[in-house]
Amino acid sequence: GPLYPTSGTVSSAVDDGSSPPITLLRPFFYFGRTYNSIYVNHNGHLTFTGPLRDFTSQRFPQRIRDIIAPFWTDLDNRGNGQIYYKQYTSGSVLQQATQDINQYFPGLNFNANWVFVATWFEVAYYPTSGTRTTVQAVLISGGHYSFVLMNYGIIASTTLRIQAGYDTIDSTHYYVLPGSFTSAASGSNSNFRLGSNVNEPGRWAFRTDHGSTGCTFNGKTAGYRRQLLLQPLCYITL
């Protein structure tokens, strides 16, 4: 399946909680900014400058913060499930990341030297304890390149609204996974789990170091903006 290893430090069982600030073993480049710490927020997202406890998901683009949100909704890890995070600077996970990125983004001759994996493992929705949803955010860097993978395991059905994707402080760069804020976000037919932008169901990959999300036009770096048809549409960053 699409998941990276689901192990590491366990975040405390607190509804709408967050990890403490996690010092990164390598700096992470995110659309023109460099971060040295990160927060794993229990409601399905990562932030850099402080924890985010909002349980009501917001539609991107927000133009508020740098955020990586594989599954922003009202999750609760008190009843069942664990939220894990772990950094890797050697070993098989780096080999896997190197292989994956070179497959999805050929021509970079990429070599991963750092991987950060956050896993919301079999976590329940609030207040329906007993549901089990597994999603992952994987941050990968090497040299001056950085990437984010969003990996999806089983996603329990819910009527809660779910935002998946990423956003930036000024929303110059953002991406919304097709199905966000619709019934296609959750359940056995979740588009997050069945869909992909790299031809691997349940896996979504993005380049995050300088604005390219795998889409160029006339030699200029381009990003994705959502169309009503839910197809990624290239647009130019001027």
Protein backbone atom coordinates (compact mmCIF):
# COMPACT_ATOMS: atom_id res chain seq x y z
CA GLY A 1 0.00 0.00 0.00
CA PRO A 2 0.92 3.67 -0.03
CA LEU A 3 1.88 3.98 3.64
CA TYR A 4 5.37 4.60 4.96
CA PRO A 5 6.24 3.00 8.36
CA THR A 6 3.68 3.84 11.04
CA SER A 7 5.79 4.16 14.16
CA GLY A 8 7.69 6.69 16.22
CA THR A 9 6.95 9.09 19.06
CA VAL A 10 3.31 8.93 20.15
CA SER A 11 1.57 12.27 20.55
CA SER A 12 -0.51 12.69 23.70
CA ALA A 13 -4.18 11.65 23.68
CA VAL A 14 -5.75 15.11 23.70
CA ASP A 15 -8.79 16.10 21.64
CA ASP A 16 -7.90 19.03 19.35
CA GLY A 17 -4.34 18.76 20.69
CA SER A 18 -0.93 18.97 19.11
CA SER A 19 2.57 17.65 19.49
CA PRO A 20 5.12 19.86 21.20
CA PRO A 21 7.37 21.76 18.77
CA ILE A 22 9.51 19.16 17.01
CA THR A 23 13.02 20.33 16.13
CA LEU A 24 13.84 19.18 12.62
CA LEU A 25 17.16 17.42 12.07
CA ARG A 26 17.39 19.13 8.67
CA PRO A 27 15.82 22.43 7.58
CA PHE A 28 12.69 22.05 5.46
CA PHE A 29 12.18 24.40 2.51
CA TYR A 30 8.55 25.33 1.95
CA PHE A 31 7.76 27.68 -0.93
CA GLY A 32 10.45 30.23 -0.20
CA ARG A 33 10.59 29.84 3.58
CA THR A 34 12.92 27.67 5.63
CA TYR A 35 11.62 25.95 8.77
CA ASN A 36 13.51 24.22 11.57
CA SER A 37 10.56 23.01 13.64
CA ILE A 38 7.11 21.58 13.06
CA TYR A 39 3.89 20.75 14.92
CA VAL A 40 1.82 17.63 14.34
CA ASN A 41 -1.72 18.78 15.00
CA HIS A 42 -4.25 16.15 16.01
CA ASN A 43 -6.93 17.35 13.60
CA GLY A 44 -5.01 16.13 10.57
CA HIS A 45 -2.44 18.75 9.63
CA LEU A 46 1.11 20.05 10.12
CA THR A 47 2.05 23.65 10.89
CA PHE A 48 5.42 25.33 11.37
CA THR A 49 5.18 28.44 13.54
CA GLY A 50 2.80 27.21 16.23
CA PRO A 51 0.14 24.60 16.95
CA LEU A 52 -3.26 24.81 15.25
CA ARG A 53 -6.18 23.39 17.21
CA ASP A 54 -9.04 24.37 14.89
CA PHE A 55 -11.38 21.39 14.52
CA THR A 56 -13.49 23.04 11.81
CA SER A 57 -11.68 22.60 8.53
CA GLN A 58 -11.23 25.67 6.35
CA ARG A 59 -11.23 25.77 2.59
CA PHE A 60 -7.95 26.53 0.86
CA PRO A 61 -6.82 29.08 -0.24
CA GLN A 62 -6.92 30.82 3.14
CA ARG A 63 -4.00 33.26 2.78
CA ILE A 64 -3.22 32.80 6.49
CA ARG A 65 -0.52 30.22 7.15
CA ASP A 66 1.84 27.63 5.79
CA ILE A 67 0.01 24.35 6.38
CA ILE A 68 0.23 20.77 5.13
CA ALA A 69 -3.13 19.11 5.65
CA PRO A 70 -3.57 15.52 4.51
CA PHE A 71 -6.89 15.28 6.37
CA TRP A 72 -8.11 18.40 8.19
CA THR A 73 -11.28 17.51 10.08
CA ASP A 74 -12.45 16.93 13.65
CA LEU A 75 -10.40 13.94 14.79
CA ASP A 76 -10.16 12.58 18.34
CA ASN A 77 -7.29 10.31 19.41
CA ARG A 78 -8.56 9.73 22.96
CA GLY A 79 -10.73 6.69 22.25
CA ASN A 80 -8.73 4.73 19.72
CA GLY A 81 -5.80 5.22 17.41
CA GLN A 82 -2.41 6.83 17.78
CA ILE A 83 -0.71 9.83 16.24
CA TYR A 84 2.93 9.05 15.49
CA TYR A 85 5.82 11.13 14.23
CA LYS A 86 9.38 10.16 13.40
CA GLN A 87 12.43 11.56 11.60
CA TYR A 88 14.84 9.49 9.53
CA THR A 89 18.35 10.46 8.41
CA SER A 90 19.53 7.00 7.32
CA GLY A 91 18.28 3.56 6.42
CA SER A 92 15.60 1.97 4.26
CA VAL A 93 13.08 4.81 4.60
CA LEU A 94 15.53 7.20 2.94
CA GLN A 95 16.10 4.66 0.17
CA GLN A 96 12.33 4.36 -0.32
CA ALA A 97 11.91 8.14 -0.41
CA THR A 98 14.75 8.55 -2.91
CA GLN A 99 13.21 5.89 -5.15
CA ASP A 100 9.71 7.36 -4.91
CA ILE A 101 10.74 10.94 -5.64
CA ASN A 102 12.90 9.98 -8.62
CA GLN A 103 9.95 8.03 -10.00
CA TYR A 104 7.47 10.89 -9.56
CA PHE A 105 9.85 13.74 -10.45
CA PRO A 106 12.32 12.32 -12.98
CA GLY A 107 15.40 14.22 -14.02
CA LEU A 108 16.29 15.72 -10.64
CA ASN A 109 18.75 12.96 -9.68
CA PHE A 110 17.31 13.36 -6.19
CA ASN A 111 18.92 11.87 -3.10
CA ALA A 112 16.93 12.06 0.15
CA ASN A 113 18.90 12.87 3.30
CA TRP A 114 15.93 13.45 5.63
CA VAL A 115 12.40 12.12 5.96
CA PHE A 116 9.73 13.13 8.47
CA VAL A 117 6.67 10.89 8.78
CA ALA A 118 3.51 11.89 10.64
CA THR A 119 0.80 9.24 10.88
CA TRP A 120 -2.74 9.58 12.14
CA PHE A 121 -3.20 5.85 12.69
CA GLU A 122 -6.71 4.40 13.06
CA VAL A 123 -7.86 7.63 14.71
CA ALA A 124 -11.55 8.27 15.40
CA TYR A 125 -13.73 11.15 14.34
CA TYR A 126 -15.24 13.31 17.06
CA PRO A 127 -17.62 12.33 18.63
CA THR A 128 -18.08 8.96 16.89
CA SER A 129 -15.47 7.00 18.80
CA GLY A 130 -14.78 3.63 17.25
CA THR A 131 -14.27 4.83 13.69
CA ARG A 132 -10.78 4.24 12.32
CA THR A 133 -9.03 6.42 9.77
CA THR A 134 -5.36 6.26 8.76
CA VAL A 135 -3.59 9.05 6.88
CA GLN A 136 0.01 10.14 6.59
CA ALA A 137 2.08 13.18 5.71
CA VAL A 138 5.66 12.49 4.63
CA LEU A 139 8.14 15.36 4.30
CA ILE A 140 11.24 14.56 2.25
CA SER A 141 14.30 16.70 1.64
CA GLY A 142 17.71 16.41 0.06
CA GLY A 143 19.99 19.10 -1.24
CA HIS A 144 17.83 22.12 -2.03
CA TYR A 145 14.80 20.02 -2.96
CA SER A 146 11.82 19.28 -0.74
CA PHE A 147 8.68 17.24 -1.25
CA VAL A 148 5.50 16.22 0.53
CA LEU A 149 3.70 12.91 0.15
CA MET A 150 0.15 12.42 1.38
CA ASN A 151 -0.68 8.75 1.93
CA TYR A 152 -4.12 7.32 2.63
CA GLY A 153 -5.08 4.06 4.27
CA ILE A 154 -8.61 3.15 5.31
CA ILE A 155 -10.83 6.22 5.66
CA ALA A 156 -13.99 5.80 7.73
CA SER A 157 -17.20 7.36 6.47
CA THR A 158 -18.31 10.65 8.03
CA THR A 159 -20.52 13.65 7.39
CA LEU A 160 -17.78 15.94 8.72
CA ARG A 161 -16.24 18.30 6.18
CA ILE A 162 -12.67 17.40 5.24
CA GLN A 163 -10.00 19.59 3.67
CA ALA A 164 -7.01 17.84 2.15
CA GLY A 165 -4.12 19.61 0.49
CA TYR A 166 -1.72 22.39 1.38
CA ASP A 167 -1.71 26.17 1.60
CA THR A 168 0.80 28.99 2.06
CA ILE A 169 0.85 32.26 3.96
CA ASP A 170 -0.20 34.27 0.91
CA SER A 171 -1.80 31.34 -0.96
CA THR A 172 0.54 31.95 -3.89
CA HIS A 173 0.86 28.18 -3.80
CA TYR A 174 -1.90 25.87 -2.68
CA TYR A 175 -3.46 22.59 -3.69
CA VAL A 176 -6.83 21.07 -2.88
CA LEU A 177 -7.21 17.33 -3.27
CA PRO A 178 -10.25 16.60 -5.46
CA GLY A 179 -13.10 15.45 -3.22
CA SER A 180 -12.36 17.86 -0.37
CA PHE A 181 -15.52 19.29 1.20
CA THR A 182 -17.66 16.68 -0.60
CA SER A 183 -18.98 13.22 0.22
CA ALA A 184 -16.15 11.84 -1.94
CA ALA A 185 -13.66 12.67 0.84
CA SER A 186 -14.47 9.77 3.16
CA GLY A 187 -15.67 6.19 3.15
CA SER A 188 -14.54 3.20 1.13
CA ASN A 189 -14.83 5.20 -2.10
CA SER A 190 -12.81 8.16 -0.83
CA ASN A 191 -11.13 9.89 -3.75
CA PHE A 192 -8.12 10.54 -1.51
CA ARG A 193 -7.61 6.79 -1.21
CA LEU A 194 -8.65 5.77 -4.72
CA GLY A 195 -7.17 8.76 -6.53
CA SER A 196 -3.60 9.95 -7.04
CA ASN A 197 -1.59 12.54 -8.94
CA VAL A 198 1.29 10.08 -9.41
CA ASN A 199 -0.66 7.06 -10.69
CA GLU A 200 -0.44 5.24 -7.35
CA PRO A 201 -3.85 5.05 -5.63
CA GLY A 202 -3.80 6.56 -2.16
CA ARG A 203 -0.55 8.47 -2.76
CA TRP A 204 -0.28 12.16 -3.67
CA ALA A 205 3.11 13.83 -4.24
CA PHE A 206 4.09 17.49 -4.32
CA ARG A 207 7.31 19.40 -4.76
CA THR A 208 7.44 22.21 -2.21
CA ASP A 209 10.88 23.84 -2.30
CA HIS A 210 10.40 26.60 -4.85
CA GLY A 211 6.87 26.58 -6.06
CA SER A 212 6.89 23.83 -8.62
CA THR A 213 4.25 21.17 -8.14
CA GLY A 214 5.33 19.14 -11.12
CA CYS A 215 3.87 21.46 -13.73
CA THR A 216 5.80 23.82 -15.99
CA PHE A 217 4.72 26.07 -18.85
CA ASN A 218 7.06 27.72 -21.35
CA GLY A 219 9.93 27.01 -18.99
CA LYS A 220 8.29 28.89 -16.12
CA THR A 221 7.43 27.26 -12.83
CA ALA A 222 3.71 26.73 -12.51
CA GLY A 223 1.39 25.56 -9.77
CA TYR A 224 -2.01 23.97 -9.60
CA ARG A 225 -5.29 25.75 -9.06
CA ARG A 226 -8.52 23.85 -8.66
CA GLN A 227 -11.11 23.97 -11.42
CA LEU A 228 -14.80 23.34 -10.92
CA LEU A 229 -14.31 20.03 -12.71
CA LEU A 230 -11.87 19.07 -9.93
CA GLN A 231 -9.07 18.64 -12.44
CA PRO A 232 -5.73 20.26 -11.60
CA LEU A 233 -5.21 23.25 -13.86
CA CYS A 234 -1.80 24.73 -14.44
CA TYR A 235 -1.46 28.40 -13.73
CA ILE A 236 1.59 30.60 -13.99
CA THR A 237 3.32 32.23 -11.04
CA LEU A 238 4.29 35.67 -12.32
